[in-house]
């Protein structure tokens, strides 16, 4: 089986590619902007005909799209998350219409959740910002493509190798800088929001199961821990692992820098469908994920 992983050098992509390489008989190709990639491609600007030609040469049986932008302005987000995914679908229809596409979406596509009510895949999508909106546009491109495709709507990934661009990696970096001095102060935004944190290794395992499932899959599957945890608990957990003896100063709700938390105060995914379709449930606890993050665990 030839499997192309787009975004293979990124946080999620590296974990997915590493786990796929362990499959007997799998030939894993890396796709991305790196000159070292087996398929050098930038989804933000590649033309459909160019990508189709490259895909014809690669001849994948499965494409796992881990490429995506999580930060930047609305144009940057749209170029990668919306346009790039649409171009990929168009190119696959021309070059490899029988290939399966596994696309990593985001729980941000749902927008605000109701406390105590995990969202199912049939829930209304009401993203509150450009990131969630562009990821939703990508999902629509995939589900309307006519391909053998599934979108994995991923919660908030955490665990080994978490980048500083995300909250867990950023907090870990700040704690390393602060050290254990009792006079150290960590000034953070509002931490009252609840999020569904899922170990990146569980996300990778779900992607592998989706890539290798013998039968067609539902168009969208939630991949999360299935429980909402206060962001404050994640920060406190990392602080405990760090032996932090200083003070954590938290901004009040509604203050500058906490607008998104105020808009999306609670998110949690119902993961029943993923268990039924893939036989998947998360294996790692949040404590385990935080421990591997703090210990400096590297992606495979």
Foldseek 3Di string as FASTA:
>chain_A
DEEEEEPCVDDLNVQLQVVQVPDPPYDYFYEYCDPPGPHHDHLLDDALVVVLVSCLVSVGQEYEYPDADDDDDLSRRLSCQASSLLSVLSSCVRRPQNHEYEYEAALLQQFADDPPDADEPPHDGDHDDSNSVSSVNSLVSQLPSPGLYAYEHEWAEFAAPDDCVDDLNVLLVVLVVQAADAAGEAEEEAQQAWTFYAYSNLVSVLSSLSNPPPDRAPRYAYDTQQDIDGSVVSSVLLCVVRNHNYYYHYHDPPDPPCVSCNRHRYHGHDRVRSCVGRVGHGDDDSSNRSNRHNVNHHRD
